[in-house]
Amino acid sequence: KYLLDSLRDLGPEVLLEREQKARRILRDDGATYNISQQDSAGVSWELDPVPYVIGSEDWADIEAGLLERAELLNLILGDIYGQRSLLRHGVLPPEALFSHGGFLRACQGLKMPGEHELILHATDMVRLADGNMCVLSDRTQTPSGAGYVLENRTVMSRVFPSFYRE
């Protein structure tokens, strides 16, 4: 409520100015992304200065699902470089693993310190018309979103310094 009231108090003209400032900063910082690996020019990174607010009850459900998903991916990663029971039981076809460009045979048997093999995990999600969240994709190999999060925070701290501090 505080955030929405504060944005309303700024008014549409100030919000438009702040949005334009955010675009200038992103352009000046060279923040882009590639739609495909063949696209080397990059597309300007878009940042909506009005954040999408998720209530704590909704977030609790989303968080629980994301934790389950991360744990499953961690177990799969541990298995494909460990015991390979998914292959032995026919859950995962050998061709899917051994022909995948991201599979690193040299990592067979390597174990990360601690209980987790999965270091980074990003999930692209969208809210469907019925209000449910839907996962579009998972990224586990140095998710690019980590850099975008840092860039977004930098830009937002310059565009809305008081909101960012509070």
Protein backbone atom coordinates (compact mmCIF):
# COMPACT_ATOMS: atom_id res chain seq x y z
CA LYS A 1 0.00 0.00 0.00
CA TYR A 2 2.83 2.37 0.90
CA LEU A 3 4.53 1.81 -2.45
CA LEU A 4 1.36 2.24 -4.49
CA ASP A 5 0.35 5.36 -2.56
CA SER A 6 3.82 6.83 -3.07
CA LEU A 7 3.73 6.15 -6.81
CA ARG A 8 0.27 7.70 -7.06
CA ASP A 9 1.52 10.79 -5.19
CA LEU A 10 4.34 11.25 -7.72
CA GLY A 11 1.81 11.60 -10.52
CA PRO A 12 1.92 10.41 -14.13
CA GLU A 13 4.33 13.11 -15.39
CA VAL A 14 7.00 12.29 -12.81
CA LEU A 15 6.54 8.55 -13.38
CA LEU A 16 7.07 9.07 -17.11
CA GLU A 17 10.22 11.13 -16.42
CA ARG A 18 11.55 8.39 -14.13
CA GLU A 19 10.82 5.71 -16.74
CA GLN A 20 12.72 7.72 -19.35
CA LYS A 21 15.61 8.19 -16.92
CA ALA A 22 15.72 4.42 -16.32
CA ARG A 23 15.87 3.79 -20.08
CA ARG A 24 18.72 6.31 -20.46
CA ILE A 25 20.70 4.68 -17.66
CA LEU A 26 20.19 1.21 -19.14
CA ARG A 27 21.21 2.47 -22.58
CA ASP A 28 24.28 4.26 -21.19
CA ASP A 29 25.25 1.17 -19.18
CA GLY A 30 24.89 -0.98 -22.30
CA ALA A 31 22.37 -3.32 -20.67
CA THR A 32 21.16 -5.66 -23.43
CA TYR A 33 20.23 -9.29 -23.92
CA ASN A 34 20.41 -11.61 -26.89
CA ILE A 35 17.24 -13.27 -28.10
CA SER A 36 19.28 -16.06 -29.68
CA GLN A 37 22.91 -17.07 -29.79
CA GLN A 38 23.10 -15.85 -33.40
CA ASP A 39 21.96 -12.36 -32.36
CA SER A 40 25.15 -10.55 -31.42
CA ALA A 41 23.76 -6.99 -31.49
CA GLY A 42 21.54 -7.43 -28.44
CA VAL A 43 18.18 -5.94 -27.56
CA SER A 44 17.83 -3.13 -25.04
CA TRP A 45 17.00 -4.37 -21.58
CA GLU A 46 13.55 -3.18 -20.48
CA LEU A 47 12.86 -2.32 -16.86
CA ASP A 48 9.41 -1.42 -15.64
CA PRO A 49 9.96 1.18 -12.92
CA VAL A 50 6.73 0.12 -11.21
CA PRO A 51 7.52 -3.17 -9.49
CA TYR A 52 5.18 -6.13 -9.61
CA VAL A 53 4.15 -6.56 -5.99
CA ILE A 54 3.44 -10.09 -4.82
CA GLY A 55 1.56 -10.51 -1.55
CA SER A 56 3.06 -12.62 1.22
CA GLU A 57 0.45 -15.40 0.87
CA ASP A 58 1.02 -15.67 -2.89
CA TRP A 59 4.78 -15.52 -2.37
CA ALA A 60 4.66 -18.33 0.22
CA ASP A 61 3.03 -20.62 -2.37
CA ILE A 62 5.46 -19.56 -5.12
CA GLU A 63 8.45 -19.95 -2.81
CA ALA A 64 7.39 -23.45 -1.74
CA GLY A 65 7.09 -24.51 -5.38
CA LEU A 66 10.44 -22.97 -6.30
CA LEU A 67 12.16 -24.70 -3.38
CA GLU A 68 10.70 -28.06 -4.46
CA ARG A 69 11.79 -27.42 -8.03
CA ALA A 70 15.34 -26.47 -6.99
CA GLU A 71 15.62 -29.55 -4.80
CA LEU A 72 14.47 -31.79 -7.66
CA LEU A 73 17.01 -30.22 -10.04
CA ASN A 74 19.71 -30.60 -7.39
CA LEU A 75 18.88 -34.31 -7.01
CA ILE A 76 18.90 -34.83 -10.79
CA LEU A 77 22.25 -33.05 -11.13
CA GLY A 78 23.73 -35.16 -8.33
CA ASP A 79 22.42 -38.32 -9.95
CA ILE A 80 23.63 -37.69 -13.51
CA TYR A 81 27.17 -37.04 -12.29
CA GLY A 82 26.93 -39.71 -9.58
CA GLN A 83 25.06 -43.00 -9.45
CA ARG A 84 23.02 -42.42 -12.64
CA SER A 85 20.04 -44.30 -11.26
CA LEU A 86 17.74 -42.25 -13.54
CA LEU A 87 19.52 -43.84 -16.51
CA ARG A 88 19.59 -47.32 -14.99
CA HIS A 89 15.86 -47.27 -14.27
CA GLY A 90 14.95 -45.87 -17.69
CA VAL A 91 13.59 -42.57 -16.35
CA LEU A 92 16.09 -40.63 -18.46
CA PRO A 93 17.17 -41.98 -21.87
CA PRO A 94 20.97 -42.18 -22.17
CA GLU A 95 20.87 -40.22 -25.46
CA ALA A 96 19.25 -37.27 -23.70
CA LEU A 97 22.17 -37.05 -21.31
CA PHE A 98 25.21 -38.12 -23.29
CA SER A 99 24.37 -36.17 -26.45
CA HIS A 100 23.54 -32.95 -24.59
CA GLY A 101 26.10 -30.20 -25.24
CA GLY A 102 26.07 -29.14 -21.60
CA PHE A 103 26.93 -32.57 -20.22
CA LEU A 104 30.54 -32.69 -19.01
CA ARG A 105 31.83 -36.26 -18.85
CA ALA A 106 34.94 -35.11 -17.01
CA CYS A 107 32.76 -34.09 -14.04
CA GLN A 108 31.58 -37.66 -13.39
CA GLY A 109 32.05 -38.40 -9.70
CA LEU A 110 32.92 -34.84 -8.71
CA LYS A 111 31.15 -33.69 -5.57
CA MET A 112 30.67 -30.11 -4.42
CA PRO A 113 31.38 -29.37 -0.76
CA GLY A 114 28.18 -29.45 1.26
CA GLU A 115 24.86 -31.05 0.44
CA HIS A 116 23.97 -29.17 -2.75
CA GLU A 117 25.35 -29.70 -6.25
CA LEU A 118 23.19 -27.02 -7.82
CA ILE A 119 24.81 -23.62 -7.28
CA LEU A 120 22.51 -21.30 -9.24
CA HIS A 121 18.91 -21.67 -10.28
CA ALA A 122 16.67 -19.16 -12.00
CA THR A 123 13.07 -19.68 -13.02
CA ASP A 124 11.17 -17.65 -15.60
CA MET A 125 7.51 -17.45 -14.61
CA VAL A 126 4.32 -15.81 -15.80
CA ARG A 127 0.96 -15.31 -14.14
CA LEU A 128 -1.82 -16.94 -16.17
CA ALA A 129 -5.26 -15.41 -16.74
CA ASP A 130 -6.69 -17.62 -13.97
CA GLY A 131 -4.19 -16.14 -11.48
CA ASN A 132 -1.95 -19.21 -11.23
CA MET A 133 1.78 -18.95 -11.79
CA CYS A 134 3.29 -20.98 -14.61
CA VAL A 135 6.97 -21.83 -15.04
CA LEU A 136 8.26 -21.04 -18.52
CA SER A 137 11.82 -22.26 -18.06
CA ASP A 138 14.56 -23.10 -15.58
CA ARG A 139 18.11 -21.91 -15.93
CA THR A 140 20.88 -23.60 -14.02
CA GLN A 141 24.02 -22.77 -15.96
CA THR A 142 24.98 -19.30 -14.76
CA PRO A 143 21.54 -17.74 -15.07
CA SER A 144 21.77 -14.41 -16.83
CA GLY A 145 19.09 -13.06 -14.54
CA ALA A 146 21.64 -12.59 -11.76
CA GLY A 147 23.29 -9.80 -13.76
CA TYR A 148 19.95 -8.26 -14.64
CA VAL A 149 18.93 -8.22 -10.97
CA LEU A 150 22.07 -6.30 -10.08
CA GLU A 151 21.56 -3.88 -12.98
CA ASN A 152 17.90 -3.40 -12.05
CA ARG A 153 18.82 -2.60 -8.45
CA THR A 154 21.45 -0.11 -9.56
CA VAL A 155 19.03 1.64 -11.91
CA MET A 156 16.16 1.66 -9.42
CA SER A 157 18.40 3.08 -6.69
CA ARG A 158 19.16 6.00 -9.03
CA VAL A 159 15.63 6.48 -10.40
CA PHE A 160 13.74 6.08 -7.09
CA PRO A 161 16.40 6.60 -4.39
CA SER A 162 13.92 7.11 -1.53
CA PHE A 163 11.84 4.03 -2.45
CA TYR A 164 14.96 1.96 -2.76
CA ARG A 165 16.28 3.08 0.64
CA GLU A 166 12.95 2.44 2.34
